[in-house]
Amino acid sequence: MKKRKLKEQIQSGELIIAPGIYDVVSALMADQMGFGALYVTGYGTVASYMGIPDAGIATYTDMLHRISRFAELTQTPIIADADTGYGGLLNVAHTVRGYEKAGVAAIQLEDQEFPKKCGHTPGRRVIAAEEMVKKIKVACDARASDDFLIVARTDARSSLGIDEAISRAQMYADAGADILFVESPETEEEMRKICGNIDKPVLANLVPGGKTPMLSASRLQEMGYAIAIHPVTGFLAAAQTLEKSYSELKISGNLDSSIDLYSFAKFNELIGFPAVWEFDKKYAE
């Protein structure tokens, strides 16, 4: 059981900041930081697990395996990306049950055509809004508890405009979605318009180099956002450090003091070696 339900945090009115997690190390690291939630990024998870773009290739089974492990090892509520639900309405119901059983706090479903494309990238196309409404209704009926939240994402802004995106979000809210996610607004004015026209908690997606303005937590809360996810922070930071460290190693054959690495001792603690050493003391020695 999670320490504090995501639903209760949203009801408190305080903006929830959720860093992106993409592998077990990032999940363990973020879990100890005291965030209100963690966000399983499809982009990062698919990249770290399969080494390919987040373009609808990863399956329900691929994602469930990773998400289940994240949830098992952490105490912070998890919001997990489930793309389009991995198929038709029956698939959506199966996905919702699987994610809920895995122990995450919320599932994110989007209205893109299959195969989906990653947000903030070109060429995204959406299904009819009425089809997505059916998916949301199925998702709501499939969950075992109302504490398991449904996040409905629309990618309509990039191809059909902000008014259509807001109209869809309103329809998805009426269908039962608990949290609304209008992807890729391009100005602060659009972000305010989203919050001002949706009468349910709204999620903001902050991607450095993406289409949406990178705003402070205080600004987002003032606008009316309930959740701010930062899906790419972890893996972009890791990639930057890997490139710097490996490059230095290749050039000089060693790492000098300018490369600031995480402590080996702290990493041993992070992944649980002290428990192994205690076990050995008790039984193996």
Protein backbone atom coordinates (compact mmCIF):
# COMPACT_ATOMS: atom_id res chain seq x y z
CA MET A 1 0.00 0.00 0.00
CA LYS A 2 1.33 3.41 -0.90
CA LYS A 3 2.11 5.85 1.92
CA ARG A 4 -0.37 8.42 0.64
CA LYS A 5 -2.95 7.96 -2.08
CA LEU A 6 -2.59 10.07 -5.20
CA LYS A 7 -6.29 10.90 -5.01
CA GLU A 8 -5.86 12.41 -1.54
CA GLN A 9 -2.91 14.51 -2.67
CA ILE A 10 -4.89 15.92 -5.59
CA GLN A 11 -7.76 16.79 -3.28
CA SER A 12 -5.37 18.74 -1.04
CA GLY A 13 -4.92 21.30 -3.81
CA GLU A 14 -1.12 21.26 -3.72
CA LEU A 15 0.66 20.88 -7.06
CA ILE A 16 2.13 17.40 -7.44
CA ILE A 17 5.56 17.27 -9.07
CA ALA A 18 6.28 13.90 -10.69
CA PRO A 19 9.72 13.12 -12.14
CA GLY A 20 10.00 10.59 -14.93
CA ILE A 21 11.27 7.12 -14.06
CA TYR A 22 12.41 4.72 -16.76
CA ASP A 23 14.33 1.90 -15.07
CA VAL A 24 14.65 0.47 -11.58
CA VAL A 25 17.61 2.65 -10.61
CA SER A 26 15.76 5.83 -11.53
CA ALA A 27 12.69 4.57 -9.68
CA LEU A 28 14.66 3.83 -6.52
CA MET A 29 16.46 7.18 -6.70
CA ALA A 30 13.28 9.23 -7.23
CA ASP A 31 11.39 7.27 -4.57
CA GLN A 32 13.69 8.47 -1.81
CA MET A 33 13.35 12.15 -2.76
CA GLY A 34 9.90 12.78 -1.30
CA PHE A 35 8.00 13.58 -4.51
CA GLY A 36 4.23 13.42 -4.52
CA ALA A 37 4.21 10.97 -7.43
CA LEU A 38 6.45 9.27 -9.96
CA TYR A 39 5.70 9.14 -13.68
CA VAL A 40 6.57 6.09 -15.77
CA THR A 41 7.63 7.60 -19.08
CA GLY A 42 6.87 5.43 -22.09
CA TYR A 43 9.62 7.17 -24.07
CA GLY A 44 12.30 6.51 -21.46
CA THR A 45 11.13 3.04 -20.50
CA VAL A 46 11.03 1.83 -24.10
CA ALA A 47 14.42 3.43 -24.82
CA SER A 48 16.11 1.91 -21.76
CA TYR A 49 14.48 -1.52 -22.13
CA MET A 50 14.47 -1.99 -25.92
CA GLY A 51 16.71 0.75 -27.29
CA ILE A 52 14.09 1.91 -29.80
CA PRO A 53 11.81 4.95 -30.24
CA ASP A 54 8.50 5.19 -28.39
CA ALA A 55 6.46 4.57 -31.54
CA GLY A 56 3.91 1.95 -30.58
CA ILE A 57 6.27 -1.03 -30.84
CA ALA A 58 6.46 -1.91 -27.15
CA THR A 59 3.62 -4.19 -26.05
CA TYR A 60 1.41 -4.37 -22.98
CA THR A 61 3.55 -7.24 -21.71
CA ASP A 62 6.77 -5.27 -22.19
CA MET A 63 5.45 -2.34 -20.20
CA LEU A 64 3.64 -4.32 -17.49
CA HIS A 65 6.81 -6.24 -16.64
CA ARG A 66 8.73 -3.02 -16.04
CA ILE A 67 5.91 -1.14 -14.32
CA SER A 68 5.22 -4.00 -11.92
CA ARG A 69 8.83 -3.96 -10.77
CA PHE A 70 8.82 -0.19 -10.30
CA ALA A 71 5.68 -0.40 -8.16
CA GLU A 72 6.98 -3.32 -6.13
CA LEU A 73 10.15 -1.49 -5.09
CA THR A 74 8.80 1.99 -4.39
CA GLN A 75 6.45 3.68 -1.93
CA THR A 76 5.58 6.80 -3.95
CA PRO A 77 2.34 6.72 -6.00
CA ILE A 78 3.04 5.95 -9.66
CA ILE A 79 1.31 7.35 -12.74
CA ALA A 80 1.98 4.94 -15.60
CA ASP A 81 1.79 5.52 -19.35
CA ALA A 82 -0.32 2.92 -21.17
CA ASP A 83 -0.33 4.48 -24.65
CA THR A 84 -3.63 3.81 -26.43
CA GLY A 85 -4.52 0.85 -24.19
CA TYR A 86 -2.70 -1.56 -26.51
CA GLY A 87 -5.65 -2.29 -28.77
CA GLY A 88 -9.43 -2.15 -28.79
CA LEU A 89 -11.91 -1.87 -25.95
CA LEU A 90 -11.28 -5.37 -24.62
CA ASN A 91 -7.56 -4.62 -24.58
CA VAL A 92 -8.20 -1.42 -22.64
CA ALA A 93 -10.13 -3.33 -19.97
CA HIS A 94 -7.35 -5.92 -19.73
CA THR A 95 -4.69 -3.19 -19.51
CA VAL A 96 -6.50 -1.31 -16.75
CA ARG A 97 -6.88 -4.46 -14.66
CA GLY A 98 -3.24 -5.37 -15.17
CA TYR A 99 -1.90 -1.95 -14.26
CA GLU A 100 -4.14 -1.70 -11.20
CA LYS A 101 -3.09 -5.16 -10.02
CA ALA A 102 0.56 -4.17 -10.53
CA GLY A 103 0.13 -1.50 -7.86
CA VAL A 104 0.30 1.79 -9.73
CA ALA A 105 -1.91 4.70 -8.68
CA ALA A 106 -3.04 5.94 -12.09
CA ILE A 107 -3.06 4.84 -15.71
CA GLN A 108 -2.65 7.22 -18.65
CA LEU A 109 -4.58 6.51 -21.85
CA GLU A 110 -4.39 8.64 -24.99
CA ASP A 111 -6.53 9.30 -28.04
CA GLN A 112 -3.91 8.73 -30.72
CA GLU A 113 -4.29 6.35 -33.61
CA PHE A 114 -2.36 3.09 -33.33
CA PRO A 115 0.61 2.87 -33.61
CA LYS A 116 1.04 5.93 -31.41
CA LYS A 117 3.85 8.47 -31.56
CA CYS A 118 5.64 10.14 -28.68
CA GLY A 119 4.25 13.47 -27.50
CA HIS A 120 6.02 16.66 -28.66
CA THR A 121 7.04 14.84 -31.87
CA PRO A 122 5.50 15.39 -35.33
CA GLY A 123 2.92 13.31 -37.16
CA ARG A 124 0.58 12.45 -34.30
CA ARG A 125 -2.96 11.64 -35.42
CA VAL A 126 -5.99 11.13 -33.20
CA ILE A 127 -8.98 8.82 -33.30
CA ALA A 128 -12.55 10.12 -33.21
CA ALA A 129 -13.37 11.64 -29.83
CA GLU A 130 -16.36 9.29 -29.51
CA GLU A 131 -14.03 6.28 -29.72
CA MET A 132 -11.90 7.64 -26.91
CA VAL A 133 -15.00 8.27 -24.80
CA LYS A 134 -15.81 4.56 -25.09
CA LYS A 135 -12.27 3.68 -23.99
CA ILE A 136 -12.58 5.88 -20.93
CA LYS A 137 -15.94 4.39 -19.97
CA VAL A 138 -14.50 0.89 -20.35
CA ALA A 139 -11.48 1.87 -18.25
CA CYS A 140 -13.69 3.25 -15.48
CA ASP A 141 -15.84 0.11 -15.45
CA ALA A 142 -12.80 -2.20 -15.48
CA ARG A 143 -11.03 -0.79 -12.43
CA ALA A 144 -11.65 -2.41 -9.07
CA SER A 145 -11.32 0.79 -7.01
CA ASP A 146 -12.08 4.46 -7.57
CA ASP A 147 -8.73 5.18 -5.94
CA PHE A 148 -7.11 3.89 -9.14
CA LEU A 149 -7.26 6.99 -11.32
CA ILE A 150 -7.80 7.32 -15.07
CA VAL A 151 -5.69 9.94 -16.83
CA ALA A 152 -7.12 10.84 -20.25
CA ARG A 153 -4.66 12.42 -22.66
CA THR A 154 -5.53 14.13 -25.92
CA ASP A 155 -2.98 14.81 -28.64
CA ALA A 156 -5.43 16.86 -30.71
CA ARG A 157 -3.71 20.22 -30.13
CA SER A 158 -0.93 19.66 -32.67
CA SER A 159 -3.15 18.59 -35.57
CA LEU A 160 -6.60 20.03 -34.79
CA GLY A 161 -5.93 23.07 -32.60
CA ILE A 162 -6.33 24.05 -28.97
CA ASP A 163 -10.12 24.48 -29.05
CA GLU A 164 -10.63 20.94 -30.34
CA ALA A 165 -8.20 19.62 -27.73
CA ILE A 166 -10.10 21.35 -24.92
CA SER A 167 -13.43 20.15 -26.30
CA ARG A 168 -12.13 16.58 -26.26
CA ALA A 169 -10.80 16.94 -22.74
CA GLN A 170 -14.24 18.12 -21.61
CA MET A 171 -15.84 15.07 -23.26
CA TYR A 172 -13.32 12.77 -21.59
CA ALA A 173 -14.00 14.37 -18.22
CA ASP A 174 -17.73 13.81 -18.71
CA ALA A 175 -16.99 10.17 -19.60
CA GLY A 176 -15.40 9.63 -16.19
CA ALA A 177 -11.70 10.44 -16.52
CA ASP A 178 -10.25 11.62 -13.21
CA ILE A 179 -7.34 13.66 -14.61
CA LEU A 180 -7.16 15.44 -17.97
CA PHE A 181 -3.95 15.78 -19.97
CA VAL A 182 -3.96 18.12 -22.97
CA GLU A 183 -0.64 17.38 -24.64
CA SER A 184 1.63 20.02 -26.20
CA PRO A 185 0.00 23.41 -25.58
CA GLU A 186 2.37 25.92 -27.14
CA THR A 187 1.88 29.12 -25.11
CA GLU A 188 1.08 30.20 -21.57
CA GLU A 189 -2.20 31.57 -22.89
CA GLU A 190 -3.16 28.11 -24.14
CA MET A 191 -2.20 26.57 -20.81
CA ARG A 192 -4.40 29.03 -18.93
CA LYS A 193 -7.24 28.36 -21.35
CA ILE A 194 -6.96 24.63 -20.70
CA CYS A 195 -7.15 25.02 -16.92
CA GLY A 196 -9.93 27.57 -17.16
CA ASN A 197 -12.18 25.34 -19.26
CA ILE A 198 -11.78 21.93 -17.61
CA ASP A 199 -13.55 21.32 -14.32
CA LYS A 200 -11.35 18.44 -13.18
CA PRO A 201 -7.66 18.08 -12.22
CA VAL A 202 -5.36 18.91 -15.13
CA LEU A 203 -1.85 17.59 -15.82
CA ALA A 204 1.02 19.51 -17.44
CA ASN A 205 3.84 17.80 -19.34
CA LEU A 206 7.17 19.68 -19.11
CA VAL A 207 9.76 18.63 -21.71
CA PRO A 208 12.94 20.70 -22.20
CA GLY A 209 13.12 21.47 -25.91
CA GLY A 210 9.46 20.48 -26.37
CA LYS A 211 6.51 22.58 -27.49
CA THR A 212 5.18 23.58 -24.06
CA PRO A 213 6.71 26.49 -22.09
CA MET A 214 8.87 25.37 -19.17
CA LEU A 215 7.19 27.08 -16.23
CA SER A 216 7.89 27.07 -12.50
CA ALA A 217 5.83 25.02 -10.10
CA SER A 218 4.38 28.17 -8.57
CA ARG A 219 3.28 29.47 -11.96
CA LEU A 220 1.67 26.15 -12.87
CA GLN A 221 -0.22 26.01 -9.60
CA GLU A 222 -1.40 29.58 -10.03
CA MET A 223 -2.72 28.63 -13.48
CA GLY A 224 -4.68 25.77 -11.95
CA TYR A 225 -2.65 22.66 -12.78
CA ALA A 226 -2.88 19.76 -10.32
CA ILE A 227 0.08 17.70 -11.57
CA ALA A 228 3.29 18.53 -13.41
CA ILE A 229 5.22 15.62 -14.91
CA HIS A 230 8.87 15.91 -15.96
CA PRO A 231 9.24 12.69 -17.94
CA VAL A 232 12.63 13.21 -19.62
CA THR A 233 14.66 14.74 -16.76
CA GLY A 234 16.12 11.47 -15.51
CA PHE A 235 17.22 9.82 -18.70
CA LEU A 236 18.52 13.03 -20.29
CA ALA A 237 20.61 13.71 -17.18
CA ALA A 238 21.89 10.13 -17.19
CA ALA A 239 22.71 10.26 -20.90
CA GLN A 240 24.64 13.50 -20.44
CA THR A 241 26.75 12.03 -17.63
CA LEU A 242 27.32 8.78 -19.50
CA GLU A 243 28.52 10.64 -22.58
CA LYS A 244 30.88 12.81 -20.54
CA SER A 245 32.27 9.90 -18.49
CA TYR A 246 32.70 7.50 -21.39
CA SER A 247 34.25 10.17 -23.57
CA GLU A 248 36.80 11.04 -20.88
CA LEU A 249 37.57 7.37 -20.35
CA LYS A 250 38.12 6.84 -24.10
CA ILE A 251 40.33 9.93 -24.46
CA SER A 252 42.47 9.64 -21.34
CA GLY A 253 42.08 6.02 -20.31
CA ASN A 254 40.94 7.10 -16.86
CA LEU A 255 38.51 9.42 -15.08
CA ASP A 256 39.84 12.56 -13.44
CA SER A 257 38.29 14.51 -10.59
CA SER A 258 36.30 16.72 -12.98
CA ILE A 259 33.87 13.82 -13.53
CA ASP A 260 31.47 13.99 -10.61
CA LEU A 261 30.21 10.43 -10.14
CA TYR A 262 27.63 9.15 -7.71
CA SER A 263 29.22 7.52 -4.67
CA PHE A 264 29.78 3.78 -5.02
CA ALA A 265 28.98 3.37 -1.32
CA LYS A 266 25.70 5.26 -1.70
CA PHE A 267 24.79 3.22 -4.78
CA ASN A 268 25.34 0.01 -2.81
CA GLU A 269 22.85 1.33 -0.25
CA LEU A 270 20.39 2.41 -2.94
CA ILE A 271 20.09 -1.06 -4.44
CA GLY A 272 20.02 -2.89 -1.11
CA PHE A 273 23.46 -4.40 -0.50
CA PRO A 274 23.37 -3.72 3.28
CA ALA A 275 20.53 -6.24 3.59
CA VAL A 276 22.63 -8.82 1.73
CA TRP A 277 25.59 -8.21 4.05
CA GLU A 278 23.38 -8.55 7.11
CA PHE A 279 21.99 -11.81 5.74
CA ASP A 280 25.52 -13.13 5.20
CA LYS A 281 26.48 -12.21 8.75
CA LYS A 282 23.50 -14.08 10.12
CA TYR A 283 23.59 -17.18 7.93
CA ALA A 284 26.53 -17.49 5.57
CA GLU A 285 29.46 -16.78 7.90
